[in-house]
C-alpha atoms as a PDB file:
ATOM      1  CA  MET A   1     136.882  42.973 124.399  1.00  0.00           C
ATOM      2  CA  MET A   2     135.447  41.079 121.420  1.00  0.00           C
ATOM      3  CA  LYS A   3     138.733  39.101 121.252  1.00  0.00           C
ATOM      4  CA  HIS A   4     138.139  37.883 124.829  1.00  0.00           C
ATOM      5  CA  ILE A   5     134.532  36.866 124.004  1.00  0.00           C
ATOM      6  CA  TYR A   6     135.800  34.885 121.011  1.00  0.00           C
ATOM      7  CA  ILE A   7     138.504  33.168 123.088  1.00  0.00           C
ATOM      8  CA  PHE A   8     135.955  32.339 125.845  1.00  0.00           C
ATOM      9  CA  ALA A   9     133.538  30.836 123.305  1.00  0.00           C
ATOM     10  CA  MET A  10     136.193  28.768 121.534  1.00  0.00           C
ATOM     11  CA  THR A  11     137.615  27.443 124.821  1.00  0.00           C
ATOM     12  CA  MET A  12     134.175  26.330 126.065  1.00  0.00           C
ATOM     13  CA  MET A  13     133.399  24.588 122.685  1.00  0.00           C
ATOM     14  CA  LEU A  14     136.834  22.897 122.686  1.00  0.00           C
ATOM     15  CA  ILE A  15     136.454  21.562 126.227  1.00  0.00           C
ATOM     16  CA  ALA A  16     132.841  20.451 125.633  1.00  0.00           C
ATOM     17  CA  SER A  17     133.782  18.526 122.494  1.00  0.00           C
ATOM     18  CA  SER A  18     137.090  16.964 123.653  1.00  0.00           C
ATOM     19  CA  GLY A  19     137.581  13.292 124.358  1.00  0.00           C
ATOM     20  CA  THR A  20     135.102  10.469 124.780  1.00  0.00           C
ATOM     21  CA  VAL A  21     132.879  10.560 127.830  1.00  0.00           C
ATOM     22  CA  LYS A  22     130.229   8.363 129.429  1.00  0.00           C
ATOM     23  CA  ALA A  23     127.044   9.308 131.206  1.00  0.00           C
ATOM     24  CA  GLN A  24     127.574  11.223 134.480  1.00  0.00           C
ATOM     25  CA  ASP A  25     131.095  12.229 133.409  1.00  0.00           C
ATOM     26  CA  VAL A  26     130.441  15.718 132.027  1.00  0.00           C
ATOM     27  CA  ALA A  27     128.357  18.626 133.318  1.00  0.00           C
ATOM     28  CA  LEU A  28     127.644  22.046 131.821  1.00  0.00           C
ATOM     29  CA  LYS A  29     126.892  24.823 134.252  1.00  0.00           C
ATOM     30  CA  THR A  30     126.149  28.459 134.709  1.00  0.00           C
ATOM     31  CA  ASN A  31     126.330  30.649 137.813  1.00  0.00           C
ATOM     32  CA  LEU A  32     123.027  32.342 138.563  1.00  0.00           C
ATOM     33  CA  LEU A  33     124.754  34.904 140.825  1.00  0.00           C
ATOM     34  CA  GLY A  34     126.881  35.916 137.878  1.00  0.00           C
ATOM     35  CA  TRP A  35     123.806  36.458 135.685  1.00  0.00           C
ATOM     36  CA  ALA A  36     122.323  38.622 138.466  1.00  0.00           C
ATOM     37  CA  THR A  37     125.311  40.948 138.018  1.00  0.00           C
ATOM     38  CA  THR A  38     124.932  40.924 134.182  1.00  0.00           C
ATOM     39  CA  SER A  39     128.002  38.721 133.761  1.00  0.00           C
ATOM     40  CA  LEU A  40     127.928  36.109 130.984  1.00  0.00           C
ATOM     41  CA  ASN A  41     129.301  32.824 132.335  1.00  0.00           C
ATOM     42  CA  ALA A  42     129.548  29.145 131.574  1.00  0.00           C
ATOM     43  CA  GLY A  43     131.619  26.175 132.723  1.00  0.00           C
ATOM     44  CA  VAL A  44     132.262  22.549 132.064  1.00  0.00           C
ATOM     45  CA  GLU A  45     133.064  19.944 134.734  1.00  0.00           C
ATOM     46  CA  ILE A  46     134.477  16.508 133.831  1.00  0.00           C
ATOM     47  CA  GLY A  47     134.671  13.459 136.083  1.00  0.00           C
ATOM     48  CA  THR A  48     138.212  12.091 136.324  1.00  0.00           C
ATOM     49  CA  ALA A  49     137.762   9.389 139.006  1.00  0.00           C
ATOM     50  CA  GLU A  50     135.009   8.079 141.273  1.00  0.00           C
ATOM     51  CA  LYS A  51     135.237  11.009 143.696  1.00  0.00           C
ATOM     52  CA  GLN A  52     137.156  13.560 141.593  1.00  0.00           C
ATOM     53  CA  THR A  53     136.272  16.154 138.956  1.00  0.00           C
ATOM     54  CA  VAL A  54     137.971  19.063 137.255  1.00  0.00           C
ATOM     55  CA  GLN A  55     136.180  22.096 135.957  1.00  0.00           C
ATOM     56  CA  LEU A  56     136.902  25.141 133.862  1.00  0.00           C
ATOM     57  CA  PHE A  57     134.692  28.160 134.398  1.00  0.00           C
ATOM     58  CA  ALA A  58     134.792  31.421 132.496  1.00  0.00           C
ATOM     59  CA  THR A  59     133.020  34.742 133.024  1.00  0.00           C
ATOM     60  CA  ILE A  60     132.905  37.969 130.991  1.00  0.00           C
ATOM     61  CA  ASN A  61     131.175  41.287 131.556  1.00  0.00           C
ATOM     62  CA  PRO A  62     131.590  43.621 128.559  1.00  0.00           C
ATOM     63  CA  TRP A  63     128.931  46.177 129.464  1.00  0.00           C
ATOM     64  CA  LYS A  64     128.887  49.866 130.386  1.00  0.00           C
ATOM     65  CA  PHE A  65     126.134  51.113 132.698  1.00  0.00           C
ATOM     66  CA  SER A  66     124.274  54.391 133.180  1.00  0.00           C
ATOM     67  CA  GLY A  67     125.815  57.050 135.386  1.00  0.00           C
ATOM     68  CA  ASP A  68     129.195  56.512 133.659  1.00  0.00           C
ATOM     69  CA  LYS A  69     129.736  53.256 135.545  1.00  0.00           C
ATOM     70  CA  LYS A  70     131.469  50.198 134.250  1.00  0.00           C
ATOM     71  CA  VAL A  71     132.693  46.895 135.640  1.00  0.00           C
ATOM     72  CA  ARG A  72     134.232  45.323 132.525  1.00  0.00           C
ATOM     73  CA  PHE A  73     136.187  42.138 133.142  1.00  0.00           C
ATOM     74  CA  TRP A  74     136.944  38.623 132.016  1.00  0.00           C
ATOM     75  CA  ASN A  75     137.866  35.765 134.323  1.00  0.00           C
ATOM     76  CA  VAL A  76     138.867  32.117 133.926  1.00  0.00           C
ATOM     77  CA  GLU A  77     138.892  29.699 136.842  1.00  0.00           C
ATOM     78  CA  PRO A  78     140.109  26.098 136.645  1.00  0.00           C
ATOM     79  CA  GLU A  79     139.357  23.938 139.688  1.00  0.00           C
ATOM     80  CA  TYR A  80     140.063  20.417 141.009  1.00  0.00           C
ATOM     81  CA  ARG A  81     137.347  18.944 143.212  1.00  0.00           C
ATOM     82  CA  TRP A  82     137.273  16.020 145.611  1.00  0.00           C
ATOM     83  CA  TRP A  83     133.770  14.715 146.500  1.00  0.00           C
ATOM     84  CA  THR A  84     133.061  13.201 149.919  1.00  0.00           C
ATOM     85  CA  CYS A  85     130.640  10.611 148.581  1.00  0.00           C
ATOM     86  CA  GLN A  86     130.205  10.525 144.823  1.00  0.00           C
ATOM     87  CA  ARG A  87     130.928  13.072 142.144  1.00  0.00           C
ATOM     88  CA  PHE A  88     128.136  15.450 141.129  1.00  0.00           C
ATOM     89  CA  GLY A  89     126.236  14.948 144.408  1.00  0.00           C
ATOM     90  CA  GLY A  90     126.671  16.139 147.991  1.00  0.00           C
ATOM     91  CA  SER A  91     129.690  17.867 149.506  1.00  0.00           C
ATOM     92  CA  PHE A  92     132.942  18.627 147.793  1.00  0.00           C
ATOM     93  CA  PHE A  93     136.236  20.428 148.595  1.00  0.00           C
ATOM     94  CA  GLY A  94     138.255  22.088 145.802  1.00  0.00           C
ATOM     95  CA  LEU A  95     141.440  23.924 144.876  1.00  0.00           C
ATOM     96  CA  HIS A  96     140.912  26.682 142.306  1.00  0.00           C
ATOM     97  CA  ALA A  97     143.060  29.154 140.381  1.00  0.00           C
ATOM     98  CA  LEU A  98     141.856  32.407 138.904  1.00  0.00           C
ATOM     99  CA  ALA A  99     143.099  34.851 136.352  1.00  0.00           C
ATOM    100  CA  GLY A 100     141.634  37.826 134.467  1.00  0.00           C
ATOM    101  CA  GLU A 101     141.612  41.506 133.542  1.00  0.00           C
ATOM    102  CA  TYR A 102     139.375  44.352 134.535  1.00  0.00           C
ATOM    103  CA  ASN A 103     138.449  47.981 133.787  1.00  0.00           C
ATOM    104  CA  ILE A 104     136.343  49.535 136.624  1.00  0.00           C
ATOM    105  CA  LYS A 105     134.946  53.023 136.756  1.00  0.00           C
ATOM    106  CA  ASN A 106     132.731  54.783 139.354  1.00  0.00           C
ATOM    107  CA  VAL A 107     131.989  51.554 141.268  1.00  0.00           C
ATOM    108  CA  ASP A 108     133.300  50.699 144.714  1.00  0.00           C
ATOM    109  CA  LEU A 109     134.022  47.023 144.969  1.00  0.00           C
ATOM    110  CA  PRO A 110     133.336  45.042 148.180  1.00  0.00           C
ATOM    111  CA  PHE A 111     135.974  43.648 150.587  1.00  0.00           C
ATOM    112  CA  GLY A 112     138.476  46.384 149.790  1.00  0.00           C
ATOM    113  CA  THR A 113     139.302  44.769 146.495  1.00  0.00           C
ATOM    114  CA  LEU A 114     140.513  48.094 145.113  1.00  0.00           C
ATOM    115  CA  PRO A 115     140.950  51.463 146.892  1.00  0.00           C
ATOM    116  CA  LYS A 116     137.970  53.865 146.567  1.00  0.00           C
ATOM    117  CA  THR A 117     138.494  56.625 144.061  1.00  0.00           C
ATOM    118  CA  LYS A 118     137.009  59.940 143.011  1.00  0.00           C
ATOM    119  CA  ARG A 119     134.282  60.095 140.395  1.00  0.00           C
ATOM    120  CA  GLY A 120     135.567  60.040 136.809  1.00  0.00           C
ATOM    121  CA  ARG A 121     138.652  57.951 137.594  1.00  0.00           C
ATOM    122  CA  HIS A 122     139.017  54.306 136.679  1.00  0.00           C
ATOM    123  CA  TYR A 123     141.172  51.263 137.321  1.00  0.00           C
ATOM    124  CA  GLU A 124     142.660  48.968 134.712  1.00  0.00           C
ATOM    125  CA  GLY A 125     144.592  45.899 135.678  1.00  0.00           C
ATOM    126  CA  TRP A 126     144.900  42.159 135.773  1.00  0.00           C
ATOM    127  CA  TYR A 127     145.035  39.509 138.532  1.00  0.00           C
ATOM    128  CA  ILE A 128     146.135  35.974 139.189  1.00  0.00           C
ATOM    129  CA  GLY A 129     145.461  33.929 142.335  1.00  0.00           C
ATOM    130  CA  ALA A 130     144.388  30.668 143.975  1.00  0.00           C
ATOM    131  CA  GLY A 131     142.188  29.447 146.724  1.00  0.00           C
ATOM    132  CA  VAL A 132     140.170  26.689 148.367  1.00  0.00           C
ATOM    133  CA  THR A 133     136.479  25.912 147.838  1.00  0.00           C
ATOM    134  CA  TYR A 134     133.666  24.207 149.666  1.00  0.00           C
ATOM    135  CA  GLY A 135     130.401  23.417 147.949  1.00  0.00           C
ATOM    136  CA  TYR A 136     127.383  21.225 147.841  1.00  0.00           C
ATOM    137  CA  GLN A 137     125.287  19.860 144.952  1.00  0.00           C
ATOM    138  CA  TRP A 138     121.648  18.879 145.221  1.00  0.00           C
ATOM    139  CA  LEU A 139     120.253  16.381 142.707  1.00  0.00           C
ATOM    140  CA  LEU A 140     117.088  17.825 141.265  1.00  0.00           C
ATOM    141  CA  SER A 141     116.425  15.179 138.589  1.00  0.00           C
ATOM    142  CA  ARG A 142     118.314  12.694 136.483  1.00  0.00           C
ATOM    143  CA  HIS A 143     120.134  15.435 134.519  1.00  0.00           C
ATOM    144  CA  TRP A 144     119.697  18.604 136.595  1.00  0.00           C
ATOM    145  CA  ASN A 145     121.578  19.658 139.732  1.00  0.00           C
ATOM    146  CA  LEU A 146     121.786  22.854 141.800  1.00  0.00           C
ATOM    147  CA  GLU A 147     125.151  23.830 143.337  1.00  0.00           C
ATOM    148  CA  ALA A 148     126.190  26.295 145.996  1.00  0.00           C
ATOM    149  CA  SER A 149     129.898  26.976 146.516  1.00  0.00           C
ATOM    150  CA  LEU A 150     132.131  29.506 148.180  1.00  0.00           C
ATOM    151  CA  GLY A 151     135.852  29.990 147.811  1.00  0.00           C
ATOM    152  CA  VAL A 152     138.486  31.980 149.742  1.00  0.00           C
ATOM    153  CA  GLY A 153     142.045  32.649 148.700  1.00  0.00           C
ATOM    154  CA  TYR A 154     144.689  35.089 147.542  1.00  0.00           C
ATOM    155  CA  ALA A 155     145.026  37.229 144.422  1.00  0.00           C
ATOM    156  CA  TYR A 156     147.864  39.448 143.227  1.00  0.00           C
ATOM    157  CA  SER A 157     146.722  42.433 141.066  1.00  0.00           C
ATOM    158  CA  PRO A 158     148.900  45.118 139.511  1.00  0.00           C
ATOM    159  CA  TYR A 159     146.833  48.063 138.342  1.00  0.00           C
ATOM    160  CA  LYS A 160     146.873  51.570 136.964  1.00  0.00           C
ATOM    161  CA  LEU A 161     144.626  54.398 138.094  1.00  0.00           C
ATOM    162  CA  TYR A 162     143.550  56.707 135.335  1.00  0.00           C
ATOM    163  CA  GLY A 163     142.124  60.233 135.546  1.00  0.00           C
ATOM    164  CA  ARG A 164     140.423  62.361 133.005  1.00  0.00           C
ATOM    165  CA  CYS A 165     141.910  62.450 129.453  1.00  0.00           C
ATOM    166  CA  ALA A 166     143.262  58.904 130.017  1.00  0.00           C
ATOM    167  CA  ARG A 167     146.148  60.310 132.095  1.00  0.00           C
ATOM    168  CA  CYS A 168     147.803  57.646 134.319  1.00  0.00           C
ATOM    169  CA  LEU A 169     147.770  58.942 137.908  1.00  0.00           C
ATOM    170  CA  ASP A 170     149.160  55.906 139.754  1.00  0.00           C
ATOM    171  CA  LYS A 171     150.695  52.492 139.253  1.00  0.00           C
ATOM    172  CA  ASN A 172     150.380  50.064 142.118  1.00  0.00           C
ATOM    173  CA  HIS A 173     149.320  46.569 143.094  1.00  0.00           C
ATOM    174  CA  ARG A 174     147.052  44.840 145.605  1.00  0.00           C
ATOM    175  CA  ASN A 175     147.598  41.652 147.596  1.00  0.00           C
ATOM    176  CA  TYR A 176     144.012  40.574 148.187  1.00  0.00           C
ATOM    177  CA  VAL A 177     142.992  37.878 150.696  1.00  0.00           C
ATOM    178  CA  GLY A 178     139.298  37.058 151.028  1.00  0.00           C
ATOM    179  CA  PRO A 179     136.384  35.602 149.056  1.00  0.00           C
ATOM    180  CA  THR A 180     137.558  34.581 145.543  1.00  0.00           C
ATOM    181  CA  LYS A 181     134.373  32.906 144.319  1.00  0.00           C
ATOM    182  CA  ALA A 182     130.679  32.583 145.139  1.00  0.00           C
ATOM    183  CA  ALA A 183     128.284  30.533 143.044  1.00  0.00           C
ATOM    184  CA  LEU A 184     124.743  29.320 142.916  1.00  0.00           C
ATOM    185  CA  SER A 185     124.853  27.296 139.732  1.00  0.00           C
ATOM    186  CA  MET A 186     122.383  25.375 137.606  1.00  0.00           C
ATOM    187  CA  ILE A 187     123.970  22.266 136.156  1.00  0.00           C
ATOM    188  CA  TYR A 188     123.048  19.938 133.330  1.00  0.00           C
ATOM    189  CA  ILE A 189     124.762  16.538 133.598  1.00  0.00           C
ATOM    190  CA  PHE A 190     125.122  14.340 130.523  1.00  0.00           C
END
């Protein structure tokens, strides 16, 4: 898991320091909903044209919780956005991809993401998918924005179900269709 944290940190620093940019071309952001679920997250969004931006967002949750619960995962999500008026303000539509790995124990996920399981068993797997996004950004000040966005799409996820003593009980996959992202983000625009 430390390897994933290192890769996440290095990717964010590389993106933030790449190329030359002008004012209102780059934004750093964090999803407040992610923090509410104890997930560390950060993203960078770069203006590519008058009404277009691209962003890379990454999330990691390396924690274990009381009651022998865990929702450990990492996720990366690149996205292309088209703004209806001007970038970094108002409505936008996007196309996003997503990929990551997970290790989930004694937690039932919403929307039927994974089948429910007996206590003491856990899922390990990975996923890849894509979807569409709608969102809106409110200008709070010269450099600060607030964004709300929601995405729906498809994800393919092969997984293994483990029982006690790390014994593999089942290998299967899920074809998931439903919400693929939800964000309420604070944004700092350079």
